[in-house]
Amino acid sequence: MSDEPLAPRFAGNPDRLDREGLLALVRDLQRTVVLQQQTIERHRASASNGAVRSLGLDIAEAPSSLDKTIRSNSVQQPRAPIQRAPMPPVPGADYSLVFDGGSLGNPGRGYGSYQIVDAGGAVVAEERLEFGDRITNNGAEFRTLIAALEHLLRLGDDDARRGTLAVRGDSQLVIHGITGQWKIKHADLKPLRDRAVALLSEFGARDIAWHGRDESVRALGH
């Protein structure tokens, strides 16, 4: 390929440009495109190799390993552990109970946790629960509350039965359902609601209120 500019090579010779010139011009343009593509690829390879070396990878492994390393670093970043703290006792309550439940799939594998503290803030009961498959979020919430109430009653503290129990949870359906503000109509949930209400009636007084999810997470870790 001549280094002479294309225009001067054919200036003043229109007949030559008709056939031979046009063919030469096409070949020159094609080669120019190829050279530009090769230059771009060299720049890309140089940039990729630098990034690969900075990660300590072999150049031959660059495309797949670099991609896997970046993807792994972005997906598997360690999470900071949740800082848990015991539920602060509700003023005026002999025992305070916080509960939370959920389902992996809704319905799916149900789980729940609860914590019970006395008037001084000491944890007297705490447990993580598994409910098996085909459990909804609401079903897990009710089951967790029932398990917590049964646990507290099993402690055999007569003062607990005669005193005031505070219940806190972030499920509005459960909280408003056991207080009677909301009517539970679902066939699977109604027996659970009735069981929770019956257990609550074992206590002398009840302080039941909804709280934000962050309060549940702070005490239970989820």
Protein backbone atom coordinates (compact mmCIF):
# COMPACT_ATOMS: atom_id res chain seq x y z
CA MET A 1 0.00 0.00 0.00
CA SER A 2 1.40 3.39 -1.01
CA ASP A 3 1.84 6.07 1.64
CA GLU A 4 0.83 8.68 -0.92
CA PRO A 5 -2.51 10.36 -0.02
CA LEU A 6 -5.38 8.97 -2.02
CA ALA A 7 -6.56 12.23 -3.57
CA PRO A 8 -3.20 13.33 -5.16
CA ARG A 9 -2.59 9.85 -6.56
CA PHE A 10 -5.62 10.20 -8.83
CA ALA A 11 -5.70 13.96 -9.29
CA GLY A 12 -5.85 15.02 -12.93
CA ASN A 13 -6.38 11.46 -14.15
CA PRO A 14 -10.14 10.79 -14.12
CA ASP A 15 -9.85 7.86 -16.59
CA ARG A 16 -7.56 5.94 -14.24
CA LEU A 17 -9.97 6.61 -11.39
CA ASP A 18 -12.81 5.00 -13.30
CA ARG A 19 -11.78 1.38 -12.80
CA GLU A 20 -8.25 0.87 -11.56
CA GLY A 21 -8.48 3.85 -9.27
CA LEU A 22 -11.73 2.81 -7.69
CA LEU A 23 -10.43 -0.73 -7.03
CA ALA A 24 -7.25 0.62 -5.47
CA LEU A 25 -9.25 3.06 -3.41
CA VAL A 26 -11.46 0.26 -2.08
CA ARG A 27 -8.41 -1.86 -1.22
CA ASP A 28 -6.79 1.08 0.58
CA LEU A 29 -9.94 1.75 2.56
CA GLN A 30 -10.29 -1.91 3.51
CA ARG A 31 -6.72 -2.07 4.73
CA THR A 32 -7.16 1.17 6.66
CA VAL A 33 -10.17 -0.29 8.44
CA VAL A 34 -8.25 -3.49 9.26
CA LEU A 35 -5.30 -1.52 10.65
CA GLN A 36 -7.62 0.61 12.78
CA GLN A 37 -9.31 -2.50 14.14
CA GLN A 38 -5.94 -4.04 14.99
CA THR A 39 -4.89 -0.87 16.77
CA ILE A 40 -8.09 -0.83 18.81
CA GLU A 41 -7.61 -4.50 19.76
CA ARG A 42 -4.03 -3.83 20.88
CA HIS A 43 -5.22 -0.99 23.11
CA ARG A 44 -7.95 -3.16 24.59
CA ALA A 45 -5.53 -6.03 25.22
CA SER A 46 -3.05 -3.69 26.87
CA ALA A 47 -5.70 -2.25 29.18
CA SER A 48 -7.06 -5.71 30.06
CA ASN A 49 -3.59 -7.10 30.75
CA GLY A 50 -2.87 -4.25 33.13
CA ALA A 51 -6.08 -4.94 35.03
CA VAL A 52 -5.34 -8.65 35.10
CA ARG A 53 -1.81 -8.16 36.40
CA SER A 54 -3.12 -5.91 39.15
CA LEU A 55 -5.34 -8.83 40.26
CA GLY A 56 -2.43 -11.31 40.15
CA LEU A 57 -3.86 -13.42 37.27
CA ASP A 58 -2.09 -15.05 34.33
CA ILE A 59 -2.58 -13.21 31.04
CA ALA A 60 -3.81 -16.39 29.36
CA GLU A 61 -6.64 -16.56 31.89
CA ALA A 62 -7.58 -12.91 31.53
CA PRO A 63 -11.03 -12.96 29.88
CA SER A 64 -12.71 -15.64 32.02
CA SER A 65 -10.76 -15.24 35.26
CA LEU A 66 -11.05 -11.48 35.36
CA ASP A 67 -14.76 -11.73 34.73
CA LYS A 68 -15.19 -14.36 37.46
CA THR A 69 -13.05 -12.41 39.92
CA ILE A 70 -14.99 -9.18 39.45
CA ARG A 71 -18.31 -11.02 39.64
CA SER A 72 -17.21 -12.90 42.75
CA ASN A 73 -16.03 -9.74 44.48
CA SER A 74 -19.29 -7.95 43.74
CA VAL A 75 -21.58 -10.78 44.87
CA GLN A 76 -19.77 -12.24 47.85
CA GLN A 77 -18.92 -9.14 49.83
CA PRO A 78 -19.19 -10.06 53.54
CA ARG A 79 -22.10 -8.48 55.35
CA ALA A 80 -21.61 -6.67 58.59
CA PRO A 81 -23.08 -8.69 61.46
CA ILE A 82 -26.36 -7.40 62.87
CA GLN A 83 -25.80 -5.83 66.27
CA ARG A 84 -28.43 -7.42 68.49
CA ALA A 85 -29.59 -6.04 71.82
CA PRO A 86 -32.16 -7.36 74.29
CA MET A 87 -35.64 -5.93 73.94
CA PRO A 88 -36.03 -2.97 76.29
CA PRO A 89 -38.76 -3.78 78.84
CA VAL A 90 -42.04 -1.97 78.29
CA PRO A 91 -42.70 0.39 81.22
CA GLY A 92 -45.27 -1.05 83.62
CA ALA A 93 -45.05 -4.60 82.25
CA ASP A 94 -43.91 -7.56 84.30
CA TYR A 95 -42.80 -9.32 81.13
CA SER A 96 -42.22 -7.99 77.63
CA LEU A 97 -42.34 -10.24 74.57
CA VAL A 98 -41.13 -9.55 71.02
CA PHE A 99 -41.75 -11.98 68.17
CA ASP A 100 -41.18 -12.20 64.45
CA GLY A 101 -41.81 -14.88 61.83
CA GLY A 102 -41.46 -15.35 58.12
CA SER A 103 -41.40 -17.77 55.23
CA LEU A 104 -38.80 -18.53 52.59
CA GLY A 105 -41.13 -18.61 49.59
CA ASN A 106 -44.48 -17.58 51.11
CA PRO A 107 -45.60 -20.29 51.25
CA GLY A 108 -42.35 -22.07 51.95
CA ARG A 109 -40.11 -23.01 54.84
CA GLY A 110 -41.42 -21.17 57.88
CA TYR A 111 -39.26 -19.79 60.66
CA GLY A 112 -39.58 -17.49 63.66
CA SER A 113 -37.87 -16.07 66.72
CA TYR A 114 -39.03 -14.63 70.01
CA GLN A 115 -37.50 -13.06 73.08
CA ILE A 116 -39.01 -12.43 76.52
CA VAL A 117 -37.51 -10.09 79.10
CA ASP A 118 -38.59 -9.37 82.65
CA ALA A 119 -39.29 -5.95 84.18
CA GLY A 120 -35.57 -5.45 84.83
CA GLY A 121 -34.60 -6.18 81.21
CA ALA A 122 -33.11 -9.64 81.82
CA VAL A 123 -33.78 -12.17 79.05
CA VAL A 124 -35.81 -15.05 80.52
CA ALA A 125 -36.62 -16.86 77.27
CA GLU A 126 -35.36 -16.75 73.71
CA GLU A 127 -35.68 -19.22 70.87
CA ARG A 128 -35.34 -19.68 67.12
CA LEU A 129 -38.02 -21.85 65.51
CA GLU A 130 -38.50 -23.84 62.29
CA PHE A 131 -42.01 -24.72 61.09
CA GLY A 132 -41.41 -26.86 58.01
CA ASP A 133 -42.69 -26.29 54.48
CA ARG A 134 -45.77 -24.65 52.99
CA ILE A 135 -45.96 -22.01 55.70
CA THR A 136 -46.99 -18.44 54.89
CA ASN A 137 -45.48 -15.33 56.45
CA ASN A 138 -48.63 -14.70 58.48
CA GLY A 139 -48.83 -18.32 59.56
CA ALA A 140 -45.23 -18.17 60.80
CA GLU A 141 -45.94 -14.95 62.71
CA PHE A 142 -48.92 -16.47 64.54
CA ARG A 143 -47.06 -19.71 65.28
CA THR A 144 -44.12 -17.81 66.72
CA LEU A 145 -46.35 -15.78 69.04
CA ILE A 146 -48.13 -18.94 70.20
CA ALA A 147 -44.80 -20.66 70.94
CA ALA A 148 -43.60 -17.64 72.94
CA LEU A 149 -46.78 -17.48 75.02
CA GLU A 150 -46.66 -21.20 75.73
CA HIS A 151 -43.00 -20.88 76.76
CA LEU A 152 -43.77 -18.09 79.21
CA LEU A 153 -46.66 -20.04 80.72
CA ARG A 154 -44.43 -23.11 81.10
CA LEU A 155 -42.07 -21.12 83.30
CA GLY A 156 -44.69 -21.58 86.03
CA ASP A 157 -44.40 -18.03 87.34
CA ASP A 158 -47.68 -17.14 89.00
CA ASP A 159 -46.67 -13.49 88.99
CA ALA A 160 -46.53 -13.66 85.21
CA ARG A 161 -50.10 -14.91 85.05
CA ARG A 162 -51.33 -12.27 87.48
CA GLY A 163 -49.18 -9.46 86.12
CA THR A 164 -49.02 -7.49 82.90
CA LEU A 165 -47.62 -8.96 79.68
CA ALA A 166 -46.49 -6.59 76.93
CA VAL A 167 -46.45 -8.02 73.39
CA ARG A 168 -44.67 -6.32 70.51
CA GLY A 169 -44.41 -7.37 66.88
CA ASP A 170 -44.11 -5.85 63.41
CA SER A 171 -46.97 -7.86 61.85
CA GLN A 172 -50.00 -5.59 61.72
CA LEU A 173 -52.21 -8.54 60.79
CA VAL A 174 -51.25 -10.47 63.94
CA ILE A 175 -51.26 -7.48 66.31
CA HIS A 176 -54.55 -6.08 65.06
CA GLY A 177 -55.98 -9.58 64.76
CA ILE A 178 -55.39 -10.58 68.40
CA THR A 179 -56.69 -7.24 69.67
CA GLY A 180 -59.88 -7.61 67.62
CA GLN A 181 -59.26 -4.51 65.51
CA TRP A 182 -59.02 -6.65 62.39
CA LYS A 183 -61.12 -9.71 61.67
CA ILE A 184 -59.19 -12.80 60.62
CA LYS A 185 -61.19 -14.68 57.98
CA HIS A 186 -58.60 -16.94 56.38
CA ALA A 187 -59.36 -20.56 57.22
CA ASP A 188 -55.71 -21.41 58.00
CA LEU A 189 -55.12 -18.36 60.18
CA LYS A 190 -58.32 -18.20 62.21
CA PRO A 191 -57.48 -21.22 64.45
CA LEU A 192 -54.03 -19.74 65.07
CA ARG A 193 -55.52 -16.40 66.01
CA ASP A 194 -57.99 -18.09 68.37
CA ARG A 195 -55.19 -20.08 70.04
CA ALA A 196 -53.10 -16.94 70.57
CA VAL A 197 -56.07 -15.07 72.08
CA ALA A 198 -56.80 -17.99 74.43
CA LEU A 199 -53.20 -18.02 75.66
CA LEU A 200 -53.20 -14.25 76.18
CA SER A 201 -56.30 -14.57 78.34
CA GLU A 202 -54.19 -16.54 80.85
CA PHE A 203 -52.43 -13.33 81.85
CA GLY A 204 -53.84 -10.74 84.24
CA ALA A 205 -53.37 -7.77 81.90
CA ARG A 206 -52.11 -7.33 78.38
CA ASP A 207 -50.34 -4.48 76.61
CA ILE A 208 -50.35 -5.33 72.90
CA ALA A 209 -48.96 -2.94 70.30
CA TRP A 210 -47.35 -2.87 66.88
CA HIS A 211 -43.80 -1.62 66.47
CA GLY A 212 -41.53 -1.01 63.48
CA ARG A 213 -39.51 -3.78 61.88
CA ASP A 214 -36.23 -2.25 63.00
CA GLU A 215 -37.25 -2.91 66.61
CA SER A 216 -37.75 -6.61 65.86
CA VAL A 217 -34.44 -6.82 64.01
CA ARG A 218 -32.59 -5.13 66.86
CA ALA A 219 -33.77 -7.76 69.35
CA LEU A 220 -34.01 -10.87 67.16
CA GLY A 221 -31.51 -10.31 64.36
CA HIS A 222 -33.94 -10.73 61.46
